[in-house]
Amino acid sequence: MNRTNPFGLIIILNSNGNAQGDLFYDDGESIDTIERKSYYYSTFQWSSSNQQLTMNIIQNNYSNMSHLILDTIAIYGLKYIPTIINVNNKHVYAKVRPYTQIVDIIDIGLPMNKNYTFTWSNTTSMNIESPKILSTNPKYRVDCFPDPGY
């Protein structure tokens, strides 16, 4: 059976706008997958200053990775939003979640069994405004009156 399954990444940036991580994937049932090298292992590196995300496969002896499709990436903590992102001669677009510093890149559609470099050149600054209801509705107000002496 040849099926594809959507797959998503979450990237959480540090205060410098960078992130790095890795992904280990196996069938979840077999033992000794490391000894038999029947797993997938890749590294990821996001650089806001270099305006790129690299995904490099270190080990790919898990055949089902060709059925996993990278479909979404959620990036937490962006200060500047990439407007058009290029990967494999394809343009994908970032979408900001309202009232957050979370950006989603959707409909990527790339098989997880290849290396990729995402690049962008144009960015727009992130301006987060709270919904007006948070400041006008008493339901959302937080009052703190600590006891004397604290």
Foldseek 3Di string as FASTA:
>chain_A
DQAADEDEEEFEADPQRKGKDKDKDAPVPDPPCVVVLQIWMWMWIDDPVQQKIKIGTPGHNPVCLQRYWHFKYKYADDFKAFAWKDKPNDTWGWDDDAQGRIIMTGRPGHRRPDIIMIGGDDIHGDDGDDPPCCVVPPVNDDDDDDDPPD
